[in-house]
PDB file of N, CA and C in Angstrom:
ATOM      1  N   MET A   1     177.480 -29.992-150.485  1.00  0.00           N
ATOM      2  CA  MET A   1     176.691 -29.372-149.432  1.00  0.00           C
ATOM      3  C   MET A   1     175.275 -29.930-149.488  1.00  0.00           C
ATOM      4  N   ASN A   2     174.727 -30.270-148.315  1.00  0.00           N
ATOM      5  CA  ASN A   2     173.426 -30.925-148.302  1.00  0.00           C
ATOM      6  C   ASN A   2     172.258 -29.985-148.032  1.00  0.00           C
ATOM      7  N   GLY A   3     172.517 -28.717-147.736  1.00  0.00           N
ATOM      8  CA  GLY A   3     171.430 -27.766-147.534  1.00  0.00           C
ATOM      9  C   GLY A   3     170.872 -27.712-146.131  1.00  0.00           C
ATOM     10  N   PHE A   4     171.340 -28.572-145.240  1.00  0.00           N
ATOM     11  CA  PHE A   4     170.872 -28.586-143.860  1.00  0.00           C
ATOM     12  C   PHE A   4     172.020 -28.195-142.951  1.00  0.00           C
ATOM     13  N   ASP A   5     171.718 -27.439-141.906  1.00  0.00           N
ATOM     14  CA  ASP A   5     172.730 -27.045-140.945  1.00  0.00           C
ATOM     15  C   ASP A   5     172.296 -27.480-139.555  1.00  0.00           C
ATOM     16  N   PHE A   6     172.962 -28.479-139.024  1.00  0.00           N
ATOM     17  CA  PHE A   6     172.682 -28.971-137.684  1.00  0.00           C
ATOM     18  C   PHE A   6     173.847 -28.680-136.752  1.00  0.00           C
ATOM     19  N   SER A   7     174.639 -27.681-137.082  1.00  0.00           N
ATOM     20  CA  SER A   7     175.787 -27.303-136.256  1.00  0.00           C
ATOM     21  C   SER A   7     175.344 -27.052-134.821  1.00  0.00           C
ATOM     22  N   GLY A   8     176.072 -27.635-133.880  1.00  0.00           N
ATOM     23  CA  GLY A   8     175.760 -27.453-132.472  1.00  0.00           C
ATOM     24  C   GLY A   8     174.636 -28.327-131.955  1.00  0.00           C
ATOM     25  N   GLN A   9     173.995 -29.089-132.815  1.00  0.00           N
ATOM     26  CA  GLN A   9     172.906 -29.975-132.398  1.00  0.00           C
ATOM     27  C   GLN A   9     173.477 -31.351-132.066  1.00  0.00           C
ATOM     28  N   HIS A  10     172.797 -32.068-131.187  1.00  0.00           N
ATOM     29  CA  HIS A  10     173.175 -33.433-130.833  1.00  0.00           C
ATOM     30  C   HIS A  10     172.086 -34.357-131.361  1.00  0.00           C
ATOM     31  N   VAL A  11     172.507 -35.413-132.036  1.00  0.00           N
ATOM     32  CA  VAL A  11     171.547 -36.357-132.603  1.00  0.00           C
ATOM     33  C   VAL A  11     171.952 -37.769-132.189  1.00  0.00           C
ATOM     34  N   LEU A  12     171.013 -38.520-131.685  1.00  0.00           N
ATOM     35  CA  LEU A  12     171.213 -39.929-131.346  1.00  0.00           C
ATOM     36  C   LEU A  12     170.449 -40.742-132.376  1.00  0.00           C
ATOM     37  N   VAL A  13     171.153 -41.591-133.116  1.00  0.00           N
ATOM     38  CA  VAL A  13     170.526 -42.415-134.149  1.00  0.00           C
ATOM     39  C   VAL A  13     170.566 -43.865-133.671  1.00  0.00           C
ATOM     40  N   ILE A  14     169.401 -44.423-133.440  1.00  0.00           N
ATOM     41  CA  ILE A  14     169.300 -45.789-132.928  1.00  0.00           C
ATOM     42  C   ILE A  14     169.347 -46.784-134.082  1.00  0.00           C
ATOM     43  N   GLY A  15     170.159 -47.822-133.891  1.00  0.00           N
ATOM     44  CA  GLY A  15     170.233 -48.896-134.876  1.00  0.00           C
ATOM     45  C   GLY A  15     171.119 -48.578-136.060  1.00  0.00           C
ATOM     46  N   ALA A  16     172.149 -47.768-135.848  1.00  0.00           N
ATOM     47  CA  ALA A  16     173.014 -47.338-136.959  1.00  0.00           C
ATOM     48  C   ALA A  16     174.350 -48.070-136.984  1.00  0.00           C
ATOM     49  N   SER A  17     174.453 -49.219-136.316  1.00  0.00           N
ATOM     50  CA  SER A  17     175.749 -49.883-136.207  1.00  0.00           C
ATOM     51  C   SER A  17     176.120 -50.702-137.439  1.00  0.00           C
ATOM     52  N   ARG A  18     175.186 -50.940-138.307  1.00  0.00           N
ATOM     53  CA  ARG A  18     175.479 -51.689-139.537  1.00  0.00           C
ATOM     54  C   ARG A  18     175.614 -50.704-140.686  1.00  0.00           C
ATOM     55  N   GLN A  19     175.908 -51.187-141.865  1.00  0.00           N
ATOM     56  CA  GLN A  19     176.173 -50.305-142.989  1.00  0.00           C
ATOM     57  C   GLN A  19     174.918 -49.978-143.812  1.00  0.00           C
ATOM     58  N   GLY A  20     173.763 -50.013-143.212  1.00  0.00           N
ATOM     59  CA  GLY A  20     172.520 -49.765-143.923  1.00  0.00           C
ATOM     60  C   GLY A  20     172.120 -48.308-143.982  1.00  0.00           C
ATOM     61  N   PHE A  21     170.841 -48.096-144.284  1.00  0.00           N
ATOM     62  CA  PHE A  21     170.356 -46.728-144.463  1.00  0.00           C
ATOM     63  C   PHE A  21     170.359 -45.938-143.159  1.00  0.00           C
ATOM     64  N   VAL A  22     170.238 -46.595-142.007  1.00  0.00           N
ATOM     65  CA  VAL A  22     170.255 -45.857-140.740  1.00  0.00           C
ATOM     66  C   VAL A  22     171.657 -45.305-140.489  1.00  0.00           C
ATOM     67  N   ALA A  23     172.679 -46.060-140.840  1.00  0.00           N
ATOM     68  CA  ALA A  23     174.054 -45.556-140.739  1.00  0.00           C
ATOM     69  C   ALA A  23     174.241 -44.372-141.684  1.00  0.00           C
ATOM     70  N   ALA A  24     173.621 -44.430-142.849  1.00  0.00           N
ATOM     71  CA  ALA A  24     173.696 -43.313-143.796  1.00  0.00           C
ATOM     72  C   ALA A  24     173.025 -42.068-143.221  1.00  0.00           C
ATOM     73  N   ILE A  25     171.957 -42.247-142.466  1.00  0.00           N
ATOM     74  CA  ILE A  25     171.296 -41.119-141.803  1.00  0.00           C
ATOM     75  C   ILE A  25     172.255 -40.486-140.798  1.00  0.00           C
ATOM     76  N   ALA A  26     172.945 -41.322-140.028  1.00  0.00           N
ATOM     77  CA  ALA A  26     173.916 -40.806-139.053  1.00  0.00           C
ATOM     78  C   ALA A  26     175.015 -40.012-139.766  1.00  0.00           C
ATOM     79  N   ARG A  27     175.517 -40.546-140.874  1.00  0.00           N
ATOM     80  CA  ARG A  27     176.559 -39.838-141.634  1.00  0.00           C
ATOM     81  C   ARG A  27     176.045 -38.519-142.183  1.00  0.00           C
ATOM     82  N   ALA A  28     174.791 -38.485-142.610  1.00  0.00           N
ATOM     83  CA  ALA A  28     174.212 -37.251-143.157  1.00  0.00           C
ATOM     84  C   ALA A  28     174.109 -36.178-142.068  1.00  0.00           C
ATOM     85  N   PHE A  29     173.671 -36.571-140.875  1.00  0.00           N
ATOM     86  CA  PHE A  29     173.624 -35.601-139.778  1.00  0.00           C
ATOM     87  C   PHE A  29     175.018 -35.084-139.455  1.00  0.00           C
ATOM     88  N   LYS A  30     176.004 -35.981-139.443  1.00  0.00           N
ATOM     89  CA  LYS A  30     177.373 -35.561-139.162  1.00  0.00           C
ATOM     90  C   LYS A  30     177.862 -34.582-140.232  1.00  0.00           C
ATOM     91  N   SER A  31     177.584 -34.875-141.489  1.00  0.00           N
ATOM     92  CA  SER A  31     178.032 -33.983-142.564  1.00  0.00           C
ATOM     93  C   SER A  31     177.318 -32.634-142.515  1.00  0.00           C
ATOM     94  N   ALA A  32     176.156 -32.594-141.832  1.00  0.00           N
ATOM     95  CA  ALA A  32     175.420 -31.334-141.665  1.00  0.00           C
ATOM     96  C   ALA A  32     175.847 -30.603-140.394  1.00  0.00           C
ATOM     97  N   GLY A  33     176.888 -31.115-139.717  1.00  0.00           N
ATOM     98  CA  GLY A  33     177.442 -30.409-138.571  1.00  0.00           C
ATOM     99  C   GLY A  33     177.020 -30.899-137.208  1.00  0.00           C
ATOM    100  N   ALA A  34     176.150 -31.898-137.138  1.00  0.00           N
ATOM    101  CA  ALA A  34     175.667 -32.389-135.850  1.00  0.00           C
ATOM    102  C   ALA A  34     176.719 -33.228-135.141  1.00  0.00           C
ATOM    103  N   LYS A  35     176.635 -33.252-133.826  1.00  0.00           N
ATOM    104  CA  LYS A  35     177.407 -34.184-133.017  1.00  0.00           C
ATOM    105  C   LYS A  35     176.530 -35.428-132.908  1.00  0.00           C
ATOM    106  N   VAL A  36     176.992 -36.531-133.461  1.00  0.00           N
ATOM    107  CA  VAL A  36     176.154 -37.718-133.615  1.00  0.00           C
ATOM    108  C   VAL A  36     176.650 -38.862-132.740  1.00  0.00           C
ATOM    109  N   ALA A  37     175.724 -39.481-132.034  1.00  0.00           N
ATOM    110  CA  ALA A  37     175.973 -40.729-131.322  1.00  0.00           C
ATOM    111  C   ALA A  37     175.083 -41.782-131.957  1.00  0.00           C
ATOM    112  N   ILE A  38     175.590 -42.998-132.045  1.00  0.00           N
ATOM    113  CA  ILE A  38     174.793 -44.076-132.629  1.00  0.00           C
ATOM    114  C   ILE A  38     174.707 -45.241-131.649  1.00  0.00           C
ATOM    115  N   THR A  39     173.685 -46.062-131.845  1.00  0.00           N
ATOM    116  CA  THR A  39     173.516 -47.269-131.043  1.00  0.00           C
ATOM    117  C   THR A  39     173.380 -48.455-131.970  1.00  0.00           C
ATOM    118  N   GLY A  40     173.526 -49.633-131.381  1.00  0.00           N
ATOM    119  CA  GLY A  40     173.335 -50.865-132.127  1.00  0.00           C
ATOM    120  C   GLY A  40     173.502 -52.063-131.224  1.00  0.00           C
ATOM    121  N   GLU A  41     173.247 -53.236-131.785  1.00  0.00           N
ATOM    122  CA  GLU A  41     173.375 -54.483-131.039  1.00  0.00           C
ATOM    123  C   GLU A  41     174.768 -55.086-131.156  1.00  0.00           C
ATOM    124  N   GLU A  42     175.553 -54.617-132.103  1.00  0.00           N
ATOM    125  CA  GLU A  42     176.873 -55.171-132.328  1.00  0.00           C
ATOM    126  C   GLU A  42     177.860 -54.667-131.275  1.00  0.00           C
ATOM    127  N   VAL A  43     178.996 -55.330-131.164  1.00  0.00           N
ATOM    128  CA  VAL A  43     180.043 -54.917-130.230  1.00  0.00           C
ATOM    129  C   VAL A  43     180.606 -53.560-130.641  1.00  0.00           C
ATOM    130  N   ALA A  44     180.677 -53.310-131.929  1.00  0.00           N
ATOM    131  CA  ALA A  44     181.204 -52.046-132.464  1.00  0.00           C
ATOM    132  C   ALA A  44     180.462 -51.732-133.753  1.00  0.00           C
ATOM    133  N   PRO A  45     180.479 -50.476-134.170  1.00  0.00           N
ATOM    134  CA  PRO A  45     179.828 -50.145-135.442  1.00  0.00           C
ATOM    135  C   PRO A  45     180.588 -50.742-136.628  1.00  0.00           C
ATOM    136  N   ALA A  46     179.993 -50.647-137.791  1.00  0.00           N
ATOM    137  CA  ALA A  46     180.623 -51.136-139.023  1.00  0.00           C
ATOM    138  C   ALA A  46     181.996 -50.488-139.185  1.00  0.00           C
ATOM    139  N   PRO A  47     182.935 -51.201-139.786  1.00  0.00           N
ATOM    140  CA  PRO A  47     184.297 -50.662-139.930  1.00  0.00           C
ATOM    141  C   PRO A  47     184.347 -49.239-140.492  1.00  0.00           C
ATOM    142  N   ARG A  48     183.516 -48.938-141.458  1.00  0.00           N
ATOM    143  CA  ARG A  48     183.508 -47.599-142.067  1.00  0.00           C
ATOM    144  C   ARG A  48     183.207 -46.507-141.041  1.00  0.00           C
ATOM    145  N   ASP A  49     182.403 -46.828-140.023  1.00  0.00           N
ATOM    146  CA  ASP A  49     181.949 -45.827-139.066  1.00  0.00           C
ATOM    147  C   ASP A  49     182.699 -45.859-137.735  1.00  0.00           C
ATOM    148  N   GLN A  50     183.610 -46.806-137.549  1.00  0.00           N
ATOM    149  CA  GLN A  50     184.356 -46.876-136.295  1.00  0.00           C
ATOM    150  C   GLN A  50     185.203 -45.615-136.142  1.00  0.00           C
ATOM    151  N   GLY A  51     185.104 -45.008-134.979  1.00  0.00           N
ATOM    152  CA  GLY A  51     185.841 -43.786-134.702  1.00  0.00           C
ATOM    153  C   GLY A  51     185.169 -42.522-135.218  1.00  0.00           C
ATOM    154  N   GLN A  52     184.058 -42.658-135.932  1.00  0.00           N
ATOM    155  CA  GLN A  52     183.347 -41.500-136.479  1.00  0.00           C
ATOM    156  C   GLN A  52     182.261 -40.977-135.542  1.00  0.00           C
ATOM    157  N   PHE A  53     181.724 -41.867-134.708  1.00  0.00           N
ATOM    158  CA  PHE A  53     180.606 -41.517-133.832  1.00  0.00           C
ATOM    159  C   PHE A  53     180.845 -42.078-132.440  1.00  0.00           C
ATOM    160  N   ALA A  54     180.247 -41.439-131.446  1.00  0.00           N
ATOM    161  CA  ALA A  54     180.172 -42.072-130.133  1.00  0.00           C
ATOM    162  C   ALA A  54     179.251 -43.271-130.297  1.00  0.00           C
ATOM    163  N   TYR A  55     179.628 -44.420-129.760  1.00  0.00           N
ATOM    164  CA  TYR A  55     178.857 -45.645-129.963  1.00  0.00           C
ATOM    165  C   TYR A  55     178.397 -46.221-128.626  1.00  0.00           C
ATOM    166  N   HIS A  56     177.128 -46.625-128.580  1.00  0.00           N
ATOM    167  CA  HIS A  56     176.537 -47.198-127.375  1.00  0.00           C
ATOM    168  C   HIS A  56     175.746 -48.445-127.746  1.00  0.00           C
ATOM    169  N   LYS A  57     175.768 -49.416-126.845  1.00  0.00           N
ATOM    170  CA  LYS A  57     174.966 -50.635-127.003  1.00  0.00           C
ATOM    171  C   LYS A  57     173.989 -50.709-125.826  1.00  0.00           C
ATOM    172  N   PRO A  58     172.934 -49.879-125.853  1.00  0.00           N
ATOM    173  CA  PRO A  58     172.020 -49.804-124.714  1.00  0.00           C
ATOM    174  C   PRO A  58     170.892 -50.827-124.789  1.00  0.00           C
ATOM    175  N   ASP A  59     170.194 -50.938-123.676  1.00  0.00           N
ATOM    176  CA  ASP A  59     168.951 -51.704-123.633  1.00  0.00           C
ATOM    177  C   ASP A  59     167.835 -50.742-124.058  1.00  0.00           C
ATOM    178  N   VAL A  60     167.414 -50.826-125.311  1.00  0.00           N
ATOM    179  CA  VAL A  60     166.436 -49.867-125.834  1.00  0.00           C
ATOM    180  C   VAL A  60     165.042 -50.053-125.235  1.00  0.00           C
ATOM    181  N   THR A  61     164.839 -51.123-124.487  1.00  0.00           N
ATOM    182  CA  THR A  61     163.540 -51.308-123.827  1.00  0.00           C
ATOM    183  C   THR A  61     163.501 -50.603-122.476  1.00  0.00           C
ATOM    184  N   ASP A  62     164.629 -50.059-122.028  1.00  0.00           N
ATOM    185  CA  ASP A  62     164.724 -49.372-120.741  1.00  0.00           C
ATOM    186  C   ASP A  62     164.637 -47.865-120.985  1.00  0.00           C
ATOM    187  N   LEU A  63     163.457 -47.308-120.801  1.00  0.00           N
ATOM    188  CA  LEU A  63     163.214 -45.894-121.077  1.00  0.00           C
ATOM    189  C   LEU A  63     164.137 -44.987-120.271  1.00  0.00           C
ATOM    190  N   ALA A  64     164.343 -45.311-119.004  1.00  0.00           N
ATOM    191  CA  ALA A  64     165.219 -44.487-118.170  1.00  0.00           C
ATOM    192  C   ALA A  64     166.650 -44.503-118.702  1.00  0.00           C
ATOM    193  N   ALA A  65     167.118 -45.654-119.140  1.00  0.00           N
ATOM    194  CA  ALA A  65     168.472 -45.754-119.693  1.00  0.00           C
ATOM    195  C   ALA A  65     168.589 -44.942-120.980  1.00  0.00           C
ATOM    196  N   MET A  66     167.563 -44.987-121.792  1.00  0.00           N
ATOM    197  CA  MET A  66     167.597 -44.229-123.046  1.00  0.00           C
ATOM    198  C   MET A  66     167.569 -42.732-122.767  1.00  0.00           C
ATOM    199  N   ARG A  67     166.772 -42.294-121.829  1.00  0.00           N
ATOM    200  CA  ARG A  67     166.770 -40.874-121.467  1.00  0.00           C
ATOM    201  C   ARG A  67     168.137 -40.471-120.910  1.00  0.00           C
ATOM    202  N   GLY A  68     168.739 -41.345-120.119  1.00  0.00           N
ATOM    203  CA  GLY A  68     170.066 -41.064-119.593  1.00  0.00           C
ATOM    204  C   GLY A  68     171.102 -40.970-120.696  1.00  0.00           C
ATOM    205  N   LEU A  69     171.013 -41.852-121.667  1.00  0.00           N
ATOM    206  CA  LEU A  69     171.926 -41.828-122.808  1.00  0.00           C
ATOM    207  C   LEU A  69     171.791 -40.526-123.575  1.00  0.00           C
ATOM    208  N   ALA A  70     170.588 -40.018-123.631  1.00  0.00           N
ATOM    209  CA  ALA A  70     170.320 -38.773-124.354  1.00  0.00           C
ATOM    210  C   ALA A  70     170.469 -37.544-123.464  1.00  0.00           C
ATOM    211  N   GLY A  71     171.050 -37.703-122.305  1.00  0.00           N
ATOM    212  CA  GLY A  71     171.278 -36.568-121.417  1.00  0.00           C
ATOM    213  C   GLY A  71     170.009 -36.037-120.780  1.00  0.00           C
ATOM    214  N   GLY A  72     168.945 -36.835-120.771  1.00  0.00           N
ATOM    215  CA  GLY A  72     167.693 -36.402-120.169  1.00  0.00           C
ATOM    216  C   GLY A  72     166.931 -35.379-120.995  1.00  0.00           C
ATOM    217  N   LYS A  73     167.381 -35.111-122.224  1.00  0.00           N
ATOM    218  CA  LYS A  73     166.750 -34.090-123.060  1.00  0.00           C
ATOM    219  C   LYS A  73     165.996 -34.708-124.229  1.00  0.00           C
ATOM    220  N   ALA A  74     165.676 -35.957-124.129  1.00  0.00           N
ATOM    221  CA  ALA A  74     165.127 -36.656-125.276  1.00  0.00           C
ATOM    222  C   ALA A  74     163.674 -36.301-125.552  1.00  0.00           C
ATOM    223  N   GLY A  75     163.384 -36.126-126.803  1.00  0.00           N
ATOM    224  CA  GLY A  75     162.022 -36.063-127.288  1.00  0.00           C
ATOM    225  C   GLY A  75     161.816 -37.329-128.089  1.00  0.00           C
ATOM    226  N   PHE A  76     160.691 -37.942-127.987  1.00  0.00           N
ATOM    227  CA  PHE A  76     160.474 -39.210-128.661  1.00  0.00           C
ATOM    228  C   PHE A  76     159.533 -39.022-129.844  1.00  0.00           C
ATOM    229  N   ILE A  77     160.023 -39.330-131.015  1.00  0.00           N
ATOM    230  CA  ILE A  77     159.234 -39.246-132.240  1.00  0.00           C
ATOM    231  C   ILE A  77     159.451 -40.555-132.988  1.00  0.00           C
ATOM    232  N   THR A  78     158.443 -41.364-133.085  1.00  0.00           N
ATOM    233  CA  THR A  78     158.580 -42.660-133.721  1.00  0.00           C
ATOM    234  C   THR A  78     158.962 -42.516-135.187  1.00  0.00           C
ATOM    235  N   GLY A  79     160.003 -43.220-135.575  1.00  0.00           N
ATOM    236  CA  GLY A  79     160.408 -43.268-136.975  1.00  0.00           C
ATOM    237  C   GLY A  79     161.192 -42.074-137.462  1.00  0.00           C
ATOM    238  N   ALA A  80     161.738 -41.247-136.567  1.00  0.00           N
ATOM    239  CA  ALA A  80     162.510 -40.085-137.002  1.00  0.00           C
ATOM    240  C   ALA A  80     163.661 -39.854-136.044  1.00  0.00           C
ATOM    241  N   CYS A  81     164.668 -39.182-136.524  1.00  0.00           N
ATOM    242  CA  CYS A  81     165.805 -38.790-135.694  1.00  0.00           C
ATOM    243  C   CYS A  81     166.043 -37.309-135.934  1.00  0.00           C
ATOM    244  N   ILE A  82     165.564 -36.474-135.042  1.00  0.00           N
ATOM    245  CA  ILE A  82     165.743 -35.036-135.225  1.00  0.00           C
ATOM    246  C   ILE A  82     166.104 -34.399-133.899  1.00  0.00           C
ATOM    247  N   PRO A  83     166.837 -33.280-133.926  1.00  0.00           N
ATOM    248  CA  PRO A  83     167.147 -32.601-132.676  1.00  0.00           C
ATOM    249  C   PRO A  83     165.880 -32.004-132.057  1.00  0.00           C
ATOM    250  N   VAL A  84     165.792 -32.090-130.742  1.00  0.00           N
ATOM    251  CA  VAL A  84     164.673 -31.515-130.006  1.00  0.00           C
ATOM    252  C   VAL A  84     165.261 -30.667-128.888  1.00  0.00           C
ATOM    253  N   ASP A  85     164.987 -29.366-128.911  1.00  0.00           N
ATOM    254  CA  ASP A  85     165.461 -28.451-127.870  1.00  0.00           C
ATOM    255  C   ASP A  85     166.956 -28.569-127.618  1.00  0.00           C
ATOM    256  N   GLY A  86     167.740 -28.735-128.679  1.00  0.00           N
ATOM    257  CA  GLY A  86     169.183 -28.806-128.528  1.00  0.00           C
ATOM    258  C   GLY A  86     169.680 -30.109-127.945  1.00  0.00           C
ATOM    259  N   GLY A  87     168.793 -31.041-127.699  1.00  0.00           N
ATOM    260  CA  GLY A  87     169.188 -32.348-127.171  1.00  0.00           C
ATOM    261  C   GLY A  87     169.022 -33.400-128.222  1.00  0.00           C
ATOM    262  N   TYR A  88     168.903 -34.614-127.808  1.00  0.00           N
ATOM    263  CA  TYR A  88     168.748 -35.728-128.738  1.00  0.00           C
ATOM    264  C   TYR A  88     167.285 -36.023-128.976  1.00  0.00           C
ATOM    265  N   SER A  89     166.981 -36.525-130.133  1.00  0.00           N
ATOM    266  CA  SER A  89     165.683 -37.097-130.397  1.00  0.00           C
ATOM    267  C   SER A  89     165.902 -38.556-130.684  1.00  0.00           C
ATOM    268  N   ILE A  90     165.060 -39.382-130.174  1.00  0.00           N
ATOM    269  CA  ILE A  90     165.216 -40.824-130.320  1.00  0.00           C
ATOM    270  C   ILE A  90     164.108 -41.369-131.184  1.00  0.00           C
ATOM    271  N   ALA A  91     164.487 -42.118-132.172  1.00  0.00           N
ATOM    272  CA  ALA A  91     163.503 -42.727-133.072  1.00  0.00           C
ATOM    273  C   ALA A  91     163.102 -44.075-132.555  1.00  0.00           C
TER     274      ALA A  91
END
């Protein structure tokens, strides 16, 4: 048990398609009960994470597209991935 409860929260983790620390952040949110979507530049996420998360390959320079990906509920906090008002937060 990790001590955090994100049940019912939606989290979008940008750049989690490889097997690095950002992917580990996505896994931690999932283990805390969050519904997690990840993004990346690859065609698919790392084999370990395939089928574990909703996966998107968006144009991260397009603010409107990113807000759309986050259901229009995005709060923007540089360098963090946290739920904001029950929606996604984009790092």
